[in-house]
Amino acid sequence: MAKSKAEKAAESALDAARVAVGEAEHAVKKLDKKTRRQAEDLADRLQVAAKDAQKAIRRAKKTAAEARTSAKQIAEHVAAPAASTGIPTFRELRDRAKSRGIQGYSRMNKAQLLHALGEG
């Protein structure tokens, strides 16, 4: 049984198709490896970014706590001299002048308010 030209051509085409399929499968595996590597790299970068974000949050909380502590200390330091000397604040003097009905109290400075109230 001799093969006809058409059969030989068909077998040749079939062999070429098998080779092409094998090459395509190899290319897909190669792409899968590349895609997997890219996904792993992205996952690693994501973990690093998450750790960096957590560090930044901890630093921000620490800085905020330190700022609150500093603000409290400054406020205590500023408020302490007026309270310890017994000298009323400008606002207290202005409120007293207002309650006593002293005219022009809103334009007076602290010394003038003390004089107008008879405390200085």
N, C-alpha and C. Protein backbone atom coordinates (compact mmCIF):
# COMPACT_ATOMS: atom_id res chain seq x y z
N MET A 1 0.82 -1.17 0.00
CA MET A 1 0.00 0.00 0.00
C MET A 1 0.87 1.24 0.00
N ALA A 2 0.85 1.85 -1.04
CA ALA A 2 1.61 3.09 -1.18
C ALA A 2 0.74 4.26 -0.77
N LYS A 3 1.42 5.15 -0.08
CA LYS A 3 0.68 6.33 0.40
C LYS A 3 0.62 7.35 -0.72
N SER A 4 -0.49 7.95 -0.82
CA SER A 4 -0.63 8.98 -1.84
C SER A 4 -0.01 10.27 -1.35
N LYS A 5 0.16 11.18 -2.30
CA LYS A 5 0.74 12.47 -1.96
C LYS A 5 -0.11 13.19 -0.94
N ALA A 6 -1.36 13.06 -1.01
CA ALA A 6 -2.27 13.75 -0.09
C ALA A 6 -2.09 13.20 1.32
N GLU A 7 -1.92 11.89 1.44
CA GLU A 7 -1.73 11.30 2.76
C GLU A 7 -0.41 11.74 3.37
N LYS A 8 0.65 11.75 2.52
CA LYS A 8 1.95 12.19 3.00
C LYS A 8 1.90 13.66 3.45
N ALA A 9 1.23 14.47 2.67
CA ALA A 9 1.09 15.90 3.01
C ALA A 9 0.31 16.06 4.31
N ALA A 10 -0.71 15.23 4.48
CA ALA A 10 -1.53 15.30 5.69
C ALA A 10 -0.72 14.88 6.91
N GLU A 11 0.09 13.81 6.75
CA GLU A 11 0.94 13.37 7.87
C GLU A 11 1.97 14.44 8.21
N SER A 12 2.52 15.04 7.18
CA SER A 12 3.50 16.10 7.40
C SER A 12 2.86 17.29 8.13
N ALA A 13 1.67 17.64 7.72
CA ALA A 13 0.96 18.75 8.37
C ALA A 13 0.61 18.39 9.80
N LEU A 14 0.26 17.13 10.02
CA LEU A 14 -0.07 16.67 11.37
C LEU A 14 1.15 16.73 12.27
N ASP A 15 2.31 16.31 11.75
CA ASP A 15 3.55 16.39 12.52
C ASP A 15 3.89 17.85 12.86
N ALA A 16 3.73 18.71 11.89
CA ALA A 16 4.01 20.14 12.11
C ALA A 16 3.06 20.70 13.17
N ALA A 17 1.83 20.24 13.13
CA ALA A 17 0.85 20.71 14.12
C ALA A 17 1.21 20.22 15.50
N ARG A 18 1.69 18.97 15.60
CA ARG A 18 2.11 18.43 16.89
C ARG A 18 3.29 19.23 17.46
N VAL A 19 4.24 19.56 16.61
CA VAL A 19 5.39 20.37 17.04
C VAL A 19 4.91 21.74 17.51
N ALA A 20 4.01 22.33 16.76
CA ALA A 20 3.49 23.66 17.12
C ALA A 20 2.75 23.60 18.45
N VAL A 21 1.97 22.56 18.68
CA VAL A 21 1.26 22.40 19.95
C VAL A 21 2.25 22.25 21.09
N GLY A 22 3.30 21.45 20.88
CA GLY A 22 4.33 21.28 21.91
C GLY A 22 5.00 22.60 22.24
N GLU A 23 5.34 23.38 21.21
CA GLU A 23 5.95 24.69 21.43
C GLU A 23 5.01 25.63 22.18
N ALA A 24 3.74 25.58 21.82
CA ALA A 24 2.75 26.43 22.49
C ALA A 24 2.61 26.06 23.96
N GLU A 25 2.59 24.74 24.25
CA GLU A 25 2.51 24.29 25.64
C GLU A 25 3.73 24.75 26.44
N HIS A 26 4.90 24.66 25.81
CA HIS A 26 6.13 25.11 26.45
C HIS A 26 6.06 26.62 26.73
N ALA A 27 5.56 27.39 25.77
CA ALA A 27 5.44 28.84 25.94
C ALA A 27 4.47 29.18 27.08
N VAL A 28 3.37 28.41 27.17
CA VAL A 28 2.39 28.64 28.25
C VAL A 28 3.03 28.37 29.60
N LYS A 29 3.78 27.27 29.71
CA LYS A 29 4.46 26.96 30.98
C LYS A 29 5.43 28.07 31.35
N LYS A 30 6.15 28.56 30.35
CA LYS A 30 7.10 29.64 30.58
C LYS A 30 6.37 30.89 31.08
N LEU A 31 5.25 31.22 30.43
CA LEU A 31 4.46 32.37 30.86
C LEU A 31 3.90 32.17 32.26
N ASP A 32 3.46 30.94 32.55
CA ASP A 32 2.93 30.65 33.89
C ASP A 32 4.01 30.89 34.94
N LYS A 33 5.25 30.43 34.66
CA LYS A 33 6.34 30.65 35.60
C LYS A 33 6.59 32.14 35.78
N LYS A 34 6.61 32.87 34.68
CA LYS A 34 6.86 34.32 34.75
C LYS A 34 5.74 35.01 35.53
N THR A 35 4.51 34.63 35.24
CA THR A 35 3.37 35.22 35.94
C THR A 35 3.41 34.90 37.43
N ARG A 36 3.76 33.64 37.74
CA ARG A 36 3.87 33.25 39.15
C ARG A 36 4.94 34.07 39.86
N ARG A 37 6.09 34.23 39.20
CA ARG A 37 7.17 35.03 39.79
C ARG A 37 6.72 36.47 40.02
N GLN A 38 6.04 37.02 39.05
CA GLN A 38 5.54 38.39 39.20
C GLN A 38 4.56 38.49 40.36
N ALA A 39 3.69 37.52 40.49
CA ALA A 39 2.72 37.52 41.59
C ALA A 39 3.44 37.40 42.93
N GLU A 40 4.46 36.55 42.99
CA GLU A 40 5.23 36.42 44.23
C GLU A 40 5.96 37.71 44.58
N ASP A 41 6.54 38.35 43.56
CA ASP A 41 7.22 39.63 43.79
C ASP A 41 6.24 40.69 44.30
N LEU A 42 5.06 40.72 43.70
CA LEU A 42 4.05 41.68 44.15
C LEU A 42 3.62 41.39 45.59
N ALA A 43 3.47 40.12 45.91
CA ALA A 43 3.08 39.75 47.27
C ALA A 43 4.16 40.18 48.27
N ASP A 44 5.43 39.97 47.90
CA ASP A 44 6.53 40.40 48.77
C ASP A 44 6.52 41.91 48.96
N ARG A 45 6.33 42.63 47.87
CA ARG A 45 6.28 44.11 47.98
C ARG A 45 5.12 44.57 48.84
N LEU A 46 4.00 43.88 48.72
CA LEU A 46 2.83 44.22 49.52
C LEU A 46 3.10 44.01 51.00
N GLN A 47 3.78 42.93 51.35
CA GLN A 47 4.12 42.67 52.75
C GLN A 47 5.05 43.74 53.29
N VAL A 48 6.04 44.14 52.49
CA VAL A 48 6.97 45.19 52.92
C VAL A 48 6.22 46.50 53.10
N ALA A 49 5.33 46.82 52.18
CA ALA A 49 4.55 48.06 52.29
C ALA A 49 3.66 48.04 53.52
N ALA A 50 3.07 46.89 53.82
CA ALA A 50 2.21 46.78 55.01
C ALA A 50 3.03 46.98 56.28
N LYS A 51 4.22 46.39 56.34
CA LYS A 51 5.09 46.58 57.51
C LYS A 51 5.49 48.04 57.66
N ASP A 52 5.83 48.68 56.53
CA ASP A 52 6.19 50.10 56.57
C ASP A 52 5.03 50.96 57.04
N ALA A 53 3.84 50.62 56.59
CA ALA A 53 2.65 51.38 57.01
C ALA A 53 2.41 51.21 58.51
N GLN A 54 2.59 50.00 59.02
CA GLN A 54 2.40 49.77 60.46
C GLN A 54 3.43 50.54 61.27
N LYS A 55 4.67 50.58 60.79
CA LYS A 55 5.71 51.36 61.47
C LYS A 55 5.34 52.84 61.48
N ALA A 56 4.85 53.33 60.34
CA ALA A 56 4.48 54.74 60.25
C ALA A 56 3.34 55.07 61.21
N ILE A 57 2.39 54.16 61.34
CA ILE A 57 1.27 54.37 62.27
C ILE A 57 1.77 54.42 63.70
N ARG A 58 2.68 53.48 64.05
CA ARG A 58 3.22 53.49 65.41
C ARG A 58 3.99 54.78 65.69
N ARG A 59 4.79 55.23 64.70
CA ARG A 59 5.54 56.48 64.89
C ARG A 59 4.61 57.67 65.05
N ALA A 60 3.55 57.70 64.25
CA ALA A 60 2.60 58.80 64.33
C ALA A 60 1.90 58.83 65.68
N LYS A 61 1.51 57.66 66.18
CA LYS A 61 0.88 57.59 67.50
C LYS A 61 1.83 58.07 68.59
N LYS A 62 3.09 57.64 68.48
CA LYS A 62 4.09 58.03 69.48
C LYS A 62 4.33 59.54 69.43
N THR A 63 4.43 60.08 68.23
CA THR A 63 4.64 61.52 68.08
C THR A 63 3.45 62.30 68.62
N ALA A 64 2.24 61.82 68.35
CA ALA A 64 1.04 62.49 68.84
C ALA A 64 1.00 62.46 70.37
N ALA A 65 1.36 61.33 70.95
CA ALA A 65 1.37 61.22 72.42
C ALA A 65 2.41 62.16 73.01
N GLU A 66 3.58 62.23 72.38
CA GLU A 66 4.62 63.15 72.87
C GLU A 66 4.17 64.59 72.74
N ALA A 67 3.49 64.92 71.66
CA ALA A 67 3.00 66.28 71.46
C ALA A 67 1.97 66.65 72.53
N ARG A 68 1.06 65.70 72.83
CA ARG A 68 0.06 65.97 73.87
C ARG A 68 0.73 66.19 75.21
N THR A 69 1.73 65.36 75.52
CA THR A 69 2.45 65.50 76.78
C THR A 69 3.15 66.85 76.85
N SER A 70 3.80 67.24 75.76
CA SER A 70 4.49 68.53 75.72
C SER A 70 3.50 69.67 75.87
N ALA A 71 2.37 69.57 75.21
CA ALA A 71 1.36 70.63 75.29
C ALA A 71 0.83 70.77 76.72
N LYS A 72 0.61 69.63 77.38
CA LYS A 72 0.14 69.67 78.77
C LYS A 72 1.18 70.33 79.67
N GLN A 73 2.46 69.96 79.46
CA GLN A 73 3.52 70.54 80.28
C GLN A 73 3.64 72.04 80.06
N ILE A 74 3.52 72.45 78.80
CA ILE A 74 3.59 73.88 78.50
C ILE A 74 2.41 74.62 79.13
N ALA A 75 1.22 74.04 79.00
CA ALA A 75 0.03 74.67 79.56
C ALA A 75 0.15 74.78 81.08
N GLU A 76 0.65 73.74 81.72
CA GLU A 76 0.82 73.78 83.18
C GLU A 76 1.87 74.82 83.56
N HIS A 77 2.91 74.91 82.77
CA HIS A 77 3.99 75.87 83.05
C HIS A 77 3.49 77.31 82.89
N VAL A 78 2.70 77.55 81.85
CA VAL A 78 2.18 78.89 81.59
C VAL A 78 1.14 79.27 82.63
N ALA A 79 0.28 78.34 83.00
CA ALA A 79 -0.79 78.64 83.95
C ALA A 79 -0.26 78.74 85.37
N ALA A 80 0.79 78.06 85.69
CA ALA A 80 1.29 78.01 87.07
C ALA A 80 1.74 79.37 87.61
N PRO A 81 2.50 80.19 86.87
CA PRO A 81 2.94 81.46 87.46
C PRO A 81 1.79 82.39 87.84
N ALA A 82 0.77 82.51 87.00
CA ALA A 82 -0.34 83.40 87.32
C ALA A 82 -1.09 82.92 88.56
N ALA A 83 -1.28 81.63 88.66
CA ALA A 83 -2.01 81.08 89.79
C ALA A 83 -1.20 81.17 91.07
N SER A 84 0.11 80.98 90.97
CA SER A 84 0.93 80.95 92.17
C SER A 84 1.19 82.35 92.73
N THR A 85 1.16 83.40 91.90
CA THR A 85 1.45 84.76 92.38
C THR A 85 0.21 85.45 92.92
N GLY A 86 -0.95 84.96 92.58
CA GLY A 86 -2.18 85.59 93.06
C GLY A 86 -2.61 86.78 92.21
N ILE A 87 -1.90 87.09 91.15
CA ILE A 87 -2.26 88.19 90.25
C ILE A 87 -3.32 87.69 89.29
N PRO A 88 -4.44 88.40 89.19
CA PRO A 88 -5.50 87.96 88.29
C PRO A 88 -5.07 88.13 86.82
N THR A 89 -5.62 87.32 85.97
CA THR A 89 -5.31 87.41 84.55
C THR A 89 -6.06 88.59 83.93
N PHE A 90 -5.64 88.95 82.71
CA PHE A 90 -6.26 90.04 81.99
C PHE A 90 -7.75 89.77 81.80
N ARG A 91 -8.09 88.56 81.44
CA ARG A 91 -9.51 88.23 81.23
C ARG A 91 -10.32 88.35 82.52
N GLU A 92 -9.71 87.89 83.63
CA GLU A 92 -10.42 88.01 84.91
C GLU A 92 -10.65 89.49 85.25
N LEU A 93 -9.63 90.32 85.03
CA LEU A 93 -9.77 91.75 85.31
C LEU A 93 -10.84 92.37 84.41
N ARG A 94 -10.84 92.02 83.15
CA ARG A 94 -11.82 92.57 82.22
C ARG A 94 -13.23 92.15 82.63
N ASP A 95 -13.41 90.91 83.05
CA ASP A 95 -14.73 90.44 83.50
C ASP A 95 -15.19 91.19 84.75
N ARG A 96 -14.25 91.42 85.68
CA ARG A 96 -14.61 92.19 86.88
C ARG A 96 -15.03 93.61 86.53
N ALA A 97 -14.26 94.24 85.61
CA ALA A 97 -14.58 95.61 85.21
C ALA A 97 -15.95 95.66 84.53
N LYS A 98 -16.24 94.68 83.74
CA LYS A 98 -17.54 94.63 83.06
C LYS A 98 -18.66 94.47 84.08
N SER A 99 -18.46 93.57 85.05
CA SER A 99 -19.50 93.34 86.04
C SER A 99 -19.71 94.57 86.94
N ARG A 100 -18.67 95.37 87.15
CA ARG A 100 -18.81 96.59 87.96
C ARG A 100 -19.30 97.78 87.15
N GLY A 101 -19.40 97.62 85.85
CA GLY A 101 -19.92 98.69 85.01
C GLY A 101 -18.91 99.79 84.71
N ILE A 102 -17.63 99.50 84.71
CA ILE A 102 -16.60 100.50 84.41
C ILE A 102 -16.61 100.76 82.92
N GLN A 103 -16.73 102.03 82.56
CA GLN A 103 -16.80 102.40 81.15
C GLN A 103 -15.41 102.35 80.52
N GLY A 104 -15.36 101.90 79.26
CA GLY A 104 -14.11 101.85 78.51
C GLY A 104 -13.22 100.67 78.88
N TYR A 105 -13.73 99.71 79.63
CA TYR A 105 -12.91 98.57 80.06
C TYR A 105 -12.37 97.76 78.88
N SER A 106 -13.11 97.73 77.78
CA SER A 106 -12.70 96.90 76.65
C SER A 106 -11.47 97.45 75.93
N ARG A 107 -11.16 98.75 76.15
CA ARG A 107 -9.99 99.35 75.51
C ARG A 107 -8.80 99.45 76.46
N MET A 108 -8.97 99.00 77.71
CA MET A 108 -7.91 99.12 78.71
C MET A 108 -6.96 97.93 78.67
N ASN A 109 -5.70 98.19 79.02
CA ASN A 109 -4.74 97.10 79.17
C ASN A 109 -4.78 96.61 80.61
N LYS A 110 -3.95 95.67 80.96
CA LYS A 110 -3.99 95.05 82.28
C LYS A 110 -3.71 96.06 83.40
N ALA A 111 -2.70 96.90 83.19
CA ALA A 111 -2.36 97.90 84.22
C ALA A 111 -3.51 98.86 84.43
N GLN A 112 -4.13 99.31 83.35
CA GLN A 112 -5.25 100.25 83.46
C GLN A 112 -6.45 99.58 84.17
N LEU A 113 -6.69 98.33 83.84
CA LEU A 113 -7.78 97.62 84.50
C LEU A 113 -7.51 97.48 86.01
N LEU A 114 -6.27 97.14 86.38
CA LEU A 114 -5.93 97.06 87.80
C LEU A 114 -6.16 98.40 88.51
N HIS A 115 -5.77 99.48 87.86
CA HIS A 115 -5.93 100.83 88.44
C HIS A 115 -7.42 101.19 88.55
N ALA A 116 -8.19 100.90 87.48
CA ALA A 116 -9.62 101.22 87.48
C ALA A 116 -10.36 100.42 88.53
N LEU A 117 -9.91 99.20 88.79
CA LEU A 117 -10.56 98.37 89.80
C LEU A 117 -10.05 98.65 91.21
N GLY A 118 -9.01 99.48 91.27
CA GLY A 118 -8.45 99.82 92.58
C GLY A 118 -7.60 98.71 93.16
N GLU A 119 -7.07 97.86 92.33
CA GLU A 119 -6.26 96.74 92.82
C GLU A 119 -4.77 96.97 92.55
N GLY A 120 -4.41 98.08 91.94
CA GLY A 120 -3.01 98.23 91.60
C GLY A 120 -2.43 99.54 92.02
